[in-house]
Structure formats: structure tokens, C-alpha cells
Amino acid sequence: MSTTLTAGSGFDFTLAQQLTVIALCALTAFIAHMALAVFNDGVRPFLLDFIQGRTTRSATTAVSFGLSAGFIFGLGAPMALSTGVLNPWLLFLPTDILGMLAPKKWLAPLLGGAWGAVVVFGLNGTNKVAHELPVDFLTAMQQMSTPILFLFTLFPVLAITKQFGRVWGATAGVIELALVILTMKLWPNMFAGALAMAVGVLMLIGLAVAKDLRQRREDRAQGLVEEVAADDPMASLFSTSAARLRRYLPLFMVLGAGVCVLAQMHVFGGGEATSFLIAKGQYAEAAQVDFYRVFGFIPLIATTALASGAYGIAGFTLVYPIGYLLPNPFLAAVVGALVFAVEVLALSWIGKVLGKLPSVRDSSEHLRSAITDTLQLAILFGSLMAANAMGGGLGILVVGGLYLFNEVMGRPVVKMAAAPAAVIVGGILLNLLYWLDLFTPVKG
């Protein structure tokens, strides 16, 4: 599979794309201000106290900024600049913060729209300036695409191993490796990991469902199946939260339409691997990758939404893969609105189903953990490849040194974002050394 990016050379947005980004950032900031939804899964549990008046807007904003800043500047911006594709960390994490920060309801969409304008009008200038530097660290960062795409393929294997042991993990690993080799041989224009990931995720879900069904049969035989008490306080909280979200169903439908339209425009990728696939023009493969990720996030998003009364800005993220595949933005708007309507209306039912499938819930946890593990290694390895491309051994020393310094300092920049941030800082340092006549850029 080619690793050359076909859409990563710049940010020449059309007027429709610019307006979509600005409008969507305004909308997401407004929704965050209302504490109806945020993108950061770590912030959502804190919103219940804010909604119920037990904490202040400024305190909640501080939590949001602390949990999001590293991802915005260390992952969102570098990934966008290196691929030429927007991502949710760059768009939606800032609007989480700006929306919560705004003291007045009318100010939130203005701040969000302003951020959207900064993104669509500022990135192209930044991109052009960076590519004209003696040490072009943005082109070097495209080296990250190969390790991210191929190592990401292994996340179902890691999840199966963690949950069901070495034998099943080794079996999944052998099957995935065989499928990657087969895909590269028979379908060279297809993303080599697509089929392997599909089989791996299906194996994990099949094993989890089989375990849950087996356990329920055993429990029934022993008379151990219990009904949820009508006065269960958690059930009452979940019911109240679901009702709160349903009251704002029209607003969520507009949000779903906007996110789906942005995905359909192919200037946006929902994840690290997806951004590179969108940049290569491989939209079907990008849809597959983001569809598999959905299984790792539905239980998390559903339970935190029911517990806090705040939903996810991208919902269950199903609108990402659907949007990539739809032929026009008008259809994407309709489908995105309908998808969000179904998701919000089905939240209570999903919560009840997940309550009866503990192994499936565990699979979700293992999937998210495995995705993080594979991407952390892939991003670190890819960042060192980028460092080598822009500065050889000195580049590796600077970038690797910055990454290690971040580790020993207690990770002021979150681990996944530290390596791409180090590439940008390292690239700036190498350019300074060049201007001081202390460094000669690597040729090629």
C-alpha cells in the first residue's frame, strides 16, 4: 500500500467547507455551554455536578482545559498539519473549553465560531510557512502514517489477549497476520489492515457475547438472575439523564447533521489512522477503521451520558464512517440527524442491554485500552522516523530527548501527544540551528 499522502499538502478549503467548520464550531461551543454534550470523555463525568449546581462554571472550565490542552496542541494541531485533514481534537476540544468558559449563552457560539475561523483561515498560512523552512518538519511528520496504519491493525489482537488469554490472542494474531499478507498480495490498492481488523473485532465480540450467554444460562439454571429494583437510585439517575437529553432532541439532530456533513466533505478524520487514510483518498478504508472504533466507545459514551446527563459531541461516532461514504452533503445532513435521533432515543435501552452483557462491556474497555497502547507505540515510532527524516541522528536526539524529558517531568504533555509535539518543537530548534550555521538539513 502506498504511503504517499495525496491530500496533505495544504488547507485550501472551499467556501462551503469554511462555513461548515465555523458553524459547527459555533454549535458545539453552544452545546458545551449548555452542558448538553462535550467531546472529551474525561470531562463528561464532571458535568453532573455542574448541571446540579454543585460546582461553578469556572471550575468546570479549568477541568476541561486541564484534560484537553495536551491533546489540542500535542496531537490535534500536529496531526492536522501533517495530514492536511482536520480532526476532532483540533475542532471540538477547544469548543468544549470555550463553550464552558463563556459566561453568557450568546457568547458561546461567537467564541466557537471564532475558533473555527482561526482553524480554516490560519492553518493554511501556518502550513505554507512551515513547508518553506529549511527543515520541513511537516513533510517529515508524514513518516508517521505507516506505523500508525499498520500497528493500529493489531488492537483487536491485544484486546482479545487481555480479555481471553494468550491462546485466543495468539490465534487472532496469526489470523490477522495471514489476512494482512493476503490483502497485500491480492488487493494491493486496499488498506492492508482493513480485513484483518474486521475479523479481529468480530472475534472479540463473538467471544464476549458467547461468554455472556453461557453465564446467563448458568445463572438461570441456578436461579441467580435478579431483576433491577424499581427504586434503584442509579436507574432513577439514568432515567432522569435520558429524559434531559431527549428534551433537546432537535438540537442534537442539528449537531448530528453538522458532524456528518463535515465527515462527508473529506476534510475531516475522526482518528489518527483515519486522518492519514482520508489524506490518501481511501474513504472506504477510513470508514472501516472508524466503524471498528465505535465498538470500543459505545458503552463508555452511553454510561457516562446516562450518569451525567451530557452526551458526546460526536455521539457514538457512527456519523464519522457514515459521512465518509455518503455521496453528497445534503444526504449526509439528513442521515446524520436521523442517526443522532436514534442514538439519543435509544440511550436508556442501550444502558439496560449493557447491564446484562458484562463481558461485552469489558470488551469495550479492552478495545479502548488496546487502541491507546497501539497508537502510543505507533505515534512514538513514527515521530522518531520523522525526527530521522528531518535531522538524522541529531533529530532523533532532540525529539527523543524531549519525549523522555516529558516522561521524567511527570508528563505535563499527555503521553500520546508528547511525541508529535516533540517533532514540532524539534523542527523549530533544528531550523534555529540551521540559521546559526550549526546544522545542515538532511537531503532528500
Protein backbone atom coordinates (compact mmCIF):
# COMPACT_ATOMS: atom_id res chain seq x y z
CA MET A 1 0.00 0.00 0.00
CA SER A 2 1.27 3.43 -0.90
CA THR A 3 2.23 5.66 1.98
CA THR A 4 2.22 8.86 -0.07
CA LEU A 5 -0.35 11.41 1.05
CA THR A 6 -2.46 12.80 -1.75
CA ALA A 7 -4.38 15.41 0.20
CA GLY A 8 -1.96 16.56 2.79
CA SER A 9 -0.23 19.42 1.00
CA GLY A 10 -2.44 22.24 2.21
CA PHE A 11 -5.73 23.53 3.58
CA ASP A 12 -7.41 25.08 0.56
CA PHE A 13 -10.95 24.90 1.90
CA THR A 14 -13.91 25.80 -0.27
CA LEU A 15 -16.35 28.43 1.00
CA ALA A 16 -18.87 25.69 1.87
CA GLN A 17 -16.22 23.83 3.90
CA GLN A 18 -15.15 27.01 5.69
CA LEU A 19 -18.74 27.88 6.61
CA THR A 20 -19.43 24.32 7.76
CA VAL A 21 -16.43 24.29 10.10
CA ILE A 22 -17.25 27.73 11.54
CA ALA A 23 -20.94 26.93 12.02
CA LEU A 24 -20.20 23.54 13.58
CA CYS A 25 -17.66 25.02 16.00
CA ALA A 26 -20.22 27.67 16.98
CA LEU A 27 -22.86 24.98 17.55
CA THR A 28 -20.58 22.68 19.57
CA ALA A 29 -19.48 25.58 21.79
CA PHE A 30 -23.14 26.48 22.43
CA ILE A 31 -23.99 22.86 23.30
CA ALA A 32 -20.97 22.66 25.63
CA HIS A 33 -22.09 25.90 27.32
CA MET A 34 -25.48 24.28 27.96
CA ALA A 35 -23.65 21.21 29.39
CA LEU A 36 -25.59 19.06 26.93
CA ALA A 37 -22.54 17.45 25.34
CA VAL A 38 -18.74 17.61 25.29
CA PHE A 39 -16.20 15.78 23.17
CA ASN A 40 -13.72 14.90 25.94
CA ASP A 41 -14.89 11.66 27.58
CA GLY A 42 -12.90 12.54 30.70
CA VAL A 43 -14.79 15.82 31.21
CA ARG A 44 -18.29 14.34 30.88
CA PRO A 45 -18.48 12.79 34.38
CA PHE A 46 -17.69 16.20 35.93
CA LEU A 47 -20.70 17.80 34.26
CA LEU A 48 -23.25 16.22 36.60
CA ASP A 49 -22.04 18.39 39.49
CA PHE A 50 -22.21 21.46 37.23
CA ILE A 51 -25.69 20.60 35.97
CA GLN A 52 -26.93 20.11 39.54
CA GLY A 53 -25.27 23.34 40.73
CA ARG A 54 -22.66 21.77 43.00
CA THR A 55 -19.72 23.33 41.15
CA THR A 56 -19.07 26.53 39.21
CA ARG A 57 -18.62 27.20 35.50
CA SER A 58 -15.04 28.40 36.06
CA ALA A 59 -14.10 25.24 37.98
CA THR A 60 -15.57 23.02 35.25
CA THR A 61 -13.74 25.07 32.60
CA ALA A 62 -10.47 24.51 34.47
CA VAL A 63 -11.08 20.74 34.46
CA SER A 64 -11.86 20.80 30.73
CA PHE A 65 -8.74 22.82 29.91
CA GLY A 66 -6.51 20.61 32.05
CA LEU A 67 -7.77 17.42 30.41
CA SER A 68 -7.79 18.78 26.85
CA ALA A 69 -4.88 21.19 26.30
CA GLY A 70 -2.27 18.50 25.75
CA PHE A 71 -4.39 16.78 23.11
CA ILE A 72 -5.14 20.06 21.30
CA PHE A 73 -1.56 21.28 20.95
CA GLY A 74 0.27 17.96 21.11
CA LEU A 75 -1.96 15.80 18.92
CA GLY A 76 -4.73 17.77 17.18
CA ALA A 77 -2.58 20.51 15.66
CA PRO A 78 0.38 18.27 14.63
CA MET A 79 -1.91 15.65 13.06
CA ALA A 80 -3.82 18.29 11.12
CA LEU A 81 -0.65 19.99 9.87
CA SER A 82 1.00 16.71 8.85
CA THR A 83 -2.04 15.24 7.05
CA GLY A 84 -3.90 18.30 5.76
CA VAL A 85 -7.04 16.85 7.37
CA LEU A 86 -8.94 18.32 10.33
CA ASN A 87 -9.61 16.19 13.41
CA PRO A 88 -11.89 16.28 16.48
CA TRP A 89 -9.08 17.18 18.92
CA LEU A 90 -8.39 20.37 16.99
CA LEU A 91 -12.04 21.34 16.46
CA PHE A 92 -14.10 20.02 19.36
CA LEU A 93 -11.79 20.04 22.38
CA PRO A 94 -11.29 23.84 22.11
CA THR A 95 -15.05 24.37 21.71
CA ASP A 96 -15.59 22.28 24.86
CA ILE A 97 -13.41 24.78 26.71
CA LEU A 98 -14.71 27.94 25.01
CA GLY A 99 -18.32 26.94 25.43
CA MET A 100 -17.90 26.20 29.11
CA LEU A 101 -15.82 29.36 29.58
CA ALA A 102 -18.44 31.71 28.09
CA PRO A 103 -20.43 33.38 30.89
CA LYS A 104 -23.37 34.17 28.60
CA LYS A 105 -25.30 31.86 26.30
CA TRP A 106 -24.98 34.20 23.29
CA LEU A 107 -21.21 34.50 23.71
CA ALA A 108 -20.52 30.75 23.44
CA PRO A 109 -21.34 30.38 19.70
CA LEU A 110 -19.39 33.56 18.93
CA LEU A 111 -16.27 32.15 20.63
CA GLY A 112 -16.75 28.78 18.98
CA GLY A 113 -17.26 30.31 15.55
CA ALA A 114 -14.16 32.47 16.06
CA TRP A 115 -12.13 29.34 16.79
CA GLY A 116 -13.49 27.71 13.64
CA ALA A 117 -12.39 30.78 11.65
CA VAL A 118 -8.91 30.60 13.20
CA VAL A 119 -8.66 26.97 12.08
CA VAL A 120 -9.86 27.37 8.49
CA PHE A 121 -8.03 30.63 7.79
CA GLY A 122 -4.95 30.17 9.97
CA LEU A 123 -3.87 26.62 9.18
CA ASN A 124 -3.14 27.26 5.52
CA GLY A 125 -0.77 30.14 6.32
CA THR A 126 0.95 28.11 9.02
CA ASN A 127 1.24 25.17 6.63
CA LYS A 128 2.79 27.27 3.85
CA VAL A 129 5.31 28.93 6.18
CA ALA A 130 6.35 25.57 7.66
CA HIS A 131 6.88 23.98 4.23
CA GLU A 132 9.16 26.87 3.21
CA LEU A 133 11.51 26.37 6.17
CA PRO A 134 14.96 24.81 5.57
CA VAL A 135 13.91 21.91 7.84
CA ASP A 136 10.41 20.94 6.65
CA PHE A 137 9.16 19.13 9.75
CA LEU A 138 5.58 18.88 8.45
CA THR A 139 6.60 16.79 5.46
CA ALA A 140 8.79 14.73 7.79
CA MET A 141 5.76 14.08 10.03
CA GLN A 142 4.10 12.20 7.17
CA GLN A 143 6.52 9.41 8.12
CA MET A 144 4.08 8.65 10.96
CA SER A 145 1.46 7.29 8.57
CA THR A 146 2.97 3.81 8.04
CA PRO A 147 3.47 2.80 11.70
CA ILE A 148 0.11 4.28 12.71
CA LEU A 149 -1.81 2.45 9.99
CA PHE A 150 -0.10 -0.93 10.37
CA LEU A 151 0.33 -1.11 14.15
CA PHE A 152 -3.25 0.08 14.66
CA THR A 153 -4.30 -3.12 12.89
CA LEU A 154 -3.24 -5.09 15.98
CA PHE A 155 -5.61 -3.52 18.50
CA PRO A 156 -8.18 -6.38 18.33
CA VAL A 157 -5.37 -8.89 19.00
CA LEU A 158 -4.30 -7.01 22.13
CA ALA A 159 -7.90 -6.73 23.34
CA ILE A 160 -8.55 -10.46 22.82
CA THR A 161 -5.32 -11.37 24.63
CA LYS A 162 -6.15 -9.15 27.61
CA GLN A 163 -9.68 -10.48 27.98
CA PHE A 164 -9.49 -14.10 26.84
CA GLY A 165 -5.87 -15.10 27.31
CA ARG A 166 -2.77 -15.95 25.32
CA VAL A 167 -4.17 -18.84 23.28
CA TRP A 168 -7.03 -16.83 21.81
CA GLY A 169 -4.73 -13.82 21.43
CA ALA A 170 -2.11 -15.84 19.55
CA THR A 171 -4.82 -17.33 17.33
CA ALA A 172 -6.15 -13.87 16.50
CA GLY A 173 -2.59 -12.64 15.83
CA VAL A 174 -1.86 -15.45 13.37
CA ILE A 175 -5.18 -14.93 11.58
CA GLU A 176 -4.63 -11.16 11.32
CA LEU A 177 -1.07 -11.57 10.02
CA ALA A 178 -2.26 -14.04 7.38
CA LEU A 179 -5.05 -11.68 6.31
CA VAL A 180 -2.68 -8.70 6.06
CA ILE A 181 -0.30 -10.70 3.83
CA LEU A 182 -3.24 -11.99 1.76
CA THR A 183 -4.65 -8.48 1.31
CA MET A 184 -1.27 -7.05 0.28
CA LYS A 185 -0.90 -9.86 -2.27
CA LEU A 186 -4.41 -9.95 -3.76
CA TRP A 187 -5.71 -6.39 -3.24
CA PRO A 188 -2.65 -4.08 -3.25
CA ASN A 189 -4.76 -0.91 -3.54
CA MET A 190 -6.74 -1.74 -0.39
CA PHE A 191 -5.61 -0.77 3.12
CA ALA A 192 -3.81 -3.94 4.19
CA GLY A 193 -5.21 -3.97 7.72
CA ALA A 194 -8.90 -3.48 6.85
CA LEU A 195 -9.90 -7.14 6.55
CA ALA A 196 -7.67 -8.18 9.46
CA MET A 197 -9.24 -5.61 11.79
CA ALA A 198 -12.75 -6.66 10.76
CA VAL A 199 -12.07 -10.29 11.61
CA GLY A 200 -10.29 -9.38 14.85
CA VAL A 201 -13.16 -7.19 16.12
CA LEU A 202 -15.74 -9.82 15.16
CA MET A 203 -13.73 -12.46 17.05
CA LEU A 204 -13.64 -10.29 20.17
CA ILE A 205 -17.38 -9.53 20.06
CA GLY A 206 -18.22 -13.17 19.34
CA LEU A 207 -16.16 -14.41 22.28
CA ALA A 208 -17.68 -11.81 24.63
CA VAL A 209 -21.29 -12.49 23.61
CA ALA A 210 -20.76 -16.25 23.84
CA LYS A 211 -19.33 -15.87 27.36
CA ASP A 212 -22.25 -13.67 28.48
CA LEU A 213 -24.88 -16.02 27.04
CA ARG A 214 -23.19 -19.01 28.65
CA GLN A 215 -23.06 -17.22 32.01
CA ARG A 216 -26.73 -16.23 31.82
CA ARG A 217 -27.75 -19.82 31.08
CA GLU A 218 -25.77 -20.98 34.10
CA ASP A 219 -27.30 -18.25 36.29
CA ARG A 220 -30.83 -19.16 35.19
CA ALA A 221 -30.17 -22.81 35.95
CA GLN A 222 -29.10 -21.80 39.46
CA GLY A 223 -31.85 -19.21 39.91
CA LEU A 224 -29.36 -16.36 40.24
CA VAL A 225 -30.78 -13.90 37.67
CA GLU A 226 -32.02 -10.82 39.54
CA GLU A 227 -34.32 -8.07 38.34
CA VAL A 228 -33.32 -4.44 38.85
CA ALA A 229 -35.22 -2.91 41.75
CA ALA A 230 -37.71 -0.21 40.79
CA ASP A 231 -36.28 2.17 43.38
CA ASP A 232 -32.64 1.65 42.29
CA PRO A 233 -31.03 5.14 42.59
CA MET A 234 -28.77 4.53 39.57
CA ALA A 235 -31.77 3.55 37.46
CA SER A 236 -33.51 6.75 38.57
CA LEU A 237 -30.45 8.87 37.67
CA PHE A 238 -30.15 7.18 34.26
CA SER A 239 -33.84 7.80 33.58
CA THR A 240 -33.55 11.49 34.52
CA SER A 241 -30.45 11.98 32.36
CA ALA A 242 -32.02 10.26 29.36
CA ALA A 243 -35.13 12.43 29.70
CA ARG A 244 -32.97 15.59 29.85
CA LEU A 245 -31.21 14.68 26.62
CA ARG A 246 -34.48 13.79 24.87
CA ARG A 247 -35.84 17.28 25.63
CA TYR A 248 -33.12 18.71 23.38
CA LEU A 249 -33.54 16.15 20.60
CA PRO A 250 -33.93 18.76 17.79
CA LEU A 251 -30.64 20.40 18.81
CA PHE A 252 -28.87 17.04 18.83
CA MET A 253 -30.27 16.27 15.38
CA VAL A 254 -28.76 19.52 14.06
CA LEU A 255 -25.45 18.53 15.69
CA GLY A 256 -25.56 15.07 14.09
CA ALA A 257 -26.28 16.64 10.72
CA GLY A 258 -23.33 19.03 11.05
CA VAL A 259 -20.79 16.39 12.09
CA CYS A 260 -21.92 14.01 9.34
CA VAL A 261 -21.70 16.77 6.69
CA LEU A 262 -18.16 17.64 7.82
CA ALA A 263 -17.13 13.98 7.52
CA GLN A 264 -18.74 13.77 4.07
CA MET A 265 -16.66 16.71 2.85
CA HIS A 266 -13.48 14.62 3.34
CA VAL A 267 -11.60 17.40 5.09
CA PHE A 268 -12.03 15.71 8.48
CA GLY A 269 -10.88 12.43 10.01
CA GLY A 270 -12.22 11.01 13.26
CA GLY A 271 -8.98 9.39 14.42
CA GLU A 272 -5.21 9.20 13.94
CA ALA A 273 -5.25 6.36 11.42
CA THR A 274 -8.37 7.73 9.76
CA SER A 275 -6.75 11.12 9.13
CA PHE A 276 -3.98 9.51 7.08
CA LEU A 277 -6.47 7.33 5.17
CA ILE A 278 -8.64 10.38 4.35
CA ALA A 279 -5.49 12.21 3.22
CA LYS A 280 -4.73 9.31 0.86
CA GLY A 281 -8.27 9.38 -0.52
CA GLN A 282 -9.07 5.94 0.90
CA TYR A 283 -12.52 6.79 2.24
CA ALA A 284 -13.95 3.26 2.39
CA GLU A 285 -10.97 2.08 4.46
CA ALA A 286 -11.29 5.14 6.71
CA ALA A 287 -14.95 4.26 7.27
CA GLN A 288 -13.98 0.72 8.26
CA VAL A 289 -11.39 1.91 10.78
CA ASP A 290 -13.75 4.38 12.47
CA PHE A 291 -16.59 1.84 12.44
CA TYR A 292 -14.47 -0.65 14.38
CA ARG A 293 -13.57 2.04 16.92
CA VAL A 294 -17.28 2.54 17.63
CA PHE A 295 -17.42 -0.78 19.49
CA GLY A 296 -14.86 0.48 21.97
CA PHE A 297 -16.74 3.66 22.75
CA ILE A 298 -20.49 2.90 22.76
CA PRO A 299 -20.51 1.54 26.36
CA LEU A 300 -18.32 4.39 27.63
CA ILE A 301 -20.33 7.14 25.94
CA ALA A 302 -23.69 5.59 26.82
CA THR A 303 -22.92 5.05 30.50
CA THR A 304 -21.27 8.45 31.03
CA ALA A 305 -24.15 10.15 29.21
CA LEU A 306 -26.73 8.37 31.36
CA ALA A 307 -24.76 9.08 34.53
CA SER A 308 -24.05 12.76 33.81
CA GLY A 309 -26.88 13.97 31.59
CA ALA A 310 -24.37 15.12 28.94
CA TYR A 311 -23.84 13.38 25.59
CA GLY A 312 -20.83 13.15 23.27
CA ILE A 313 -20.32 15.85 20.62
CA ALA A 314 -19.88 13.10 18.01
CA GLY A 315 -22.40 10.77 19.66
CA PHE A 316 -21.31 7.17 19.33
CA THR A 317 -19.11 8.39 16.40
CA LEU A 318 -21.17 6.38 13.90
CA VAL A 319 -21.69 9.59 11.92
CA TYR A 320 -17.98 9.58 11.01
CA PRO A 321 -17.91 6.38 8.87
CA ILE A 322 -21.38 7.03 7.52
CA GLY A 323 -20.39 10.52 6.43
CA TYR A 324 -17.21 9.36 4.66
CA LEU A 325 -19.28 7.07 2.43
CA LEU A 326 -22.25 9.27 1.54
CA PRO A 327 -22.29 10.88 -1.94
CA ASN A 328 -23.35 14.45 -1.05
CA PRO A 329 -23.68 16.77 1.96
CA PHE A 330 -27.48 17.07 1.72
CA LEU A 331 -27.95 13.35 2.22
CA ALA A 332 -25.29 13.45 4.96
CA ALA A 333 -27.27 16.12 6.83
CA VAL A 334 -30.45 14.04 6.76
CA VAL A 335 -28.76 10.78 7.70
CA GLY A 336 -26.64 12.40 10.42
CA ALA A 337 -29.73 13.95 12.02
CA LEU A 338 -31.56 10.61 11.96
CA VAL A 339 -28.58 8.73 13.41
CA PHE A 340 -28.32 11.14 16.34
CA ALA A 341 -32.08 10.94 16.90
CA VAL A 342 -31.93 7.15 17.13
CA GLU A 343 -28.89 7.28 19.42
CA VAL A 344 -30.45 9.73 21.89
CA LEU A 345 -33.81 7.95 21.93
CA ALA A 346 -32.14 4.55 22.40
CA LEU A 347 -29.83 5.56 25.27
CA SER A 348 -31.96 4.06 28.05
CA TRP A 349 -32.41 0.80 26.14
CA ILE A 350 -28.67 0.60 25.39
CA GLY A 351 -27.91 1.13 29.09
CA LYS A 352 -30.21 -1.76 30.03
CA VAL A 353 -28.72 -4.08 27.41
CA LEU A 354 -25.18 -3.30 28.52
CA GLY A 355 -26.21 -4.05 32.10
CA LYS A 356 -26.98 -7.61 31.01
CA LEU A 357 -23.75 -8.10 29.00
CA PRO A 358 -20.80 -7.58 31.37
CA SER A 359 -18.29 -9.31 29.07
CA VAL A 360 -19.27 -7.01 26.18
CA ARG A 361 -18.74 -4.02 28.49
CA ASP A 362 -15.34 -5.44 29.42
CA SER A 363 -14.54 -5.87 25.71
CA SER A 364 -15.19 -2.18 25.23
CA GLU A 365 -12.70 -1.34 27.98
CA HIS A 366 -10.11 -3.67 26.50
CA LEU A 367 -10.65 -2.27 23.00
CA ARG A 368 -10.08 1.30 24.15
CA SER A 369 -7.01 0.26 26.13
CA ALA A 370 -5.64 -1.67 23.14
CA ILE A 371 -6.28 1.26 20.78
CA THR A 372 -4.35 3.53 23.16
CA ASP A 373 -1.46 1.05 23.52
CA THR A 374 -1.06 0.51 19.76
CA LEU A 375 -1.32 4.21 18.93
CA GLN A 376 1.13 5.26 21.63
CA LEU A 377 3.77 2.92 20.20
CA ALA A 378 2.92 3.81 16.60
CA ILE A 379 2.99 7.56 17.22
CA LEU A 380 6.27 7.35 19.15
CA PHE A 381 7.89 5.19 16.47
CA GLY A 382 6.51 7.39 13.68
CA SER A 383 7.71 10.53 15.44
CA LEU A 384 11.24 9.12 15.66
CA MET A 385 11.06 8.27 11.95
CA ALA A 386 10.04 11.88 11.31
CA ALA A 387 12.92 13.07 13.50
CA ASN A 388 15.35 10.97 11.47
CA ALA A 389 13.91 12.28 8.19
CA MET A 390 14.36 15.92 9.18
CA GLY A 391 17.57 15.75 11.20
CA GLY A 392 19.18 12.30 11.15
CA GLY A 393 20.82 11.35 14.43
CA LEU A 394 20.59 14.89 15.79
CA GLY A 395 16.87 14.93 15.04
CA ILE A 396 16.38 11.66 16.93
CA LEU A 397 18.43 13.02 19.83
CA VAL A 398 16.36 16.21 20.07
CA VAL A 399 12.91 14.65 19.57
CA GLY A 400 13.64 11.56 21.66
CA GLY A 401 15.20 13.72 24.33
CA LEU A 402 12.16 15.98 24.52
CA TYR A 403 9.90 12.93 24.79
CA LEU A 404 12.00 11.42 27.59
CA PHE A 405 12.19 14.77 29.38
CA ASN A 406 8.39 14.93 29.30
CA GLU A 407 8.29 11.45 30.87
CA VAL A 408 10.65 12.25 33.75
CA MET A 409 8.84 15.55 34.38
CA GLY A 410 5.64 13.63 35.12
CA ARG A 411 4.06 14.04 31.66
CA PRO A 412 2.97 17.69 31.57
CA VAL A 413 2.04 16.78 27.97
CA VAL A 414 -0.08 13.61 27.78
CA LYS A 415 1.87 10.58 26.56
CA MET A 416 0.10 10.13 23.22
CA ALA A 417 0.58 13.79 22.30
CA ALA A 418 4.14 14.16 23.59
CA ALA A 419 5.97 12.69 20.58
CA PRO A 420 4.23 14.74 17.82
CA ALA A 421 4.67 17.86 19.95
CA ALA A 422 8.36 16.98 20.29
CA VAL A 423 8.67 16.72 16.49
CA ILE A 424 7.32 20.26 16.04
CA VAL A 425 9.49 21.71 18.81
CA GLY A 426 12.45 19.73 17.49
CA GLY A 427 11.80 21.01 13.97
CA ILE A 428 11.80 24.59 15.20
CA LEU A 429 15.07 24.01 17.11
CA LEU A 430 16.73 22.46 14.04
CA ASN A 431 15.72 25.48 11.95
CA LEU A 432 17.26 27.78 14.57
CA LEU A 433 20.46 25.73 14.46
CA TYR A 434 20.45 25.99 10.65
CA TRP A 435 20.15 29.78 10.81
CA LEU A 436 23.05 29.81 13.30
CA ASP A 437 25.05 27.76 10.76
CA LEU A 438 25.30 24.87 13.23
CA PHE A 439 23.22 22.32 11.31
CA THR A 440 22.84 21.15 7.72
CA PRO A 441 19.39 19.71 6.85
CA VAL A 442 19.20 16.07 5.78
CA LYS A 443 18.92 15.81 2.00
CA GLY A 444 16.03 14.02 0.35
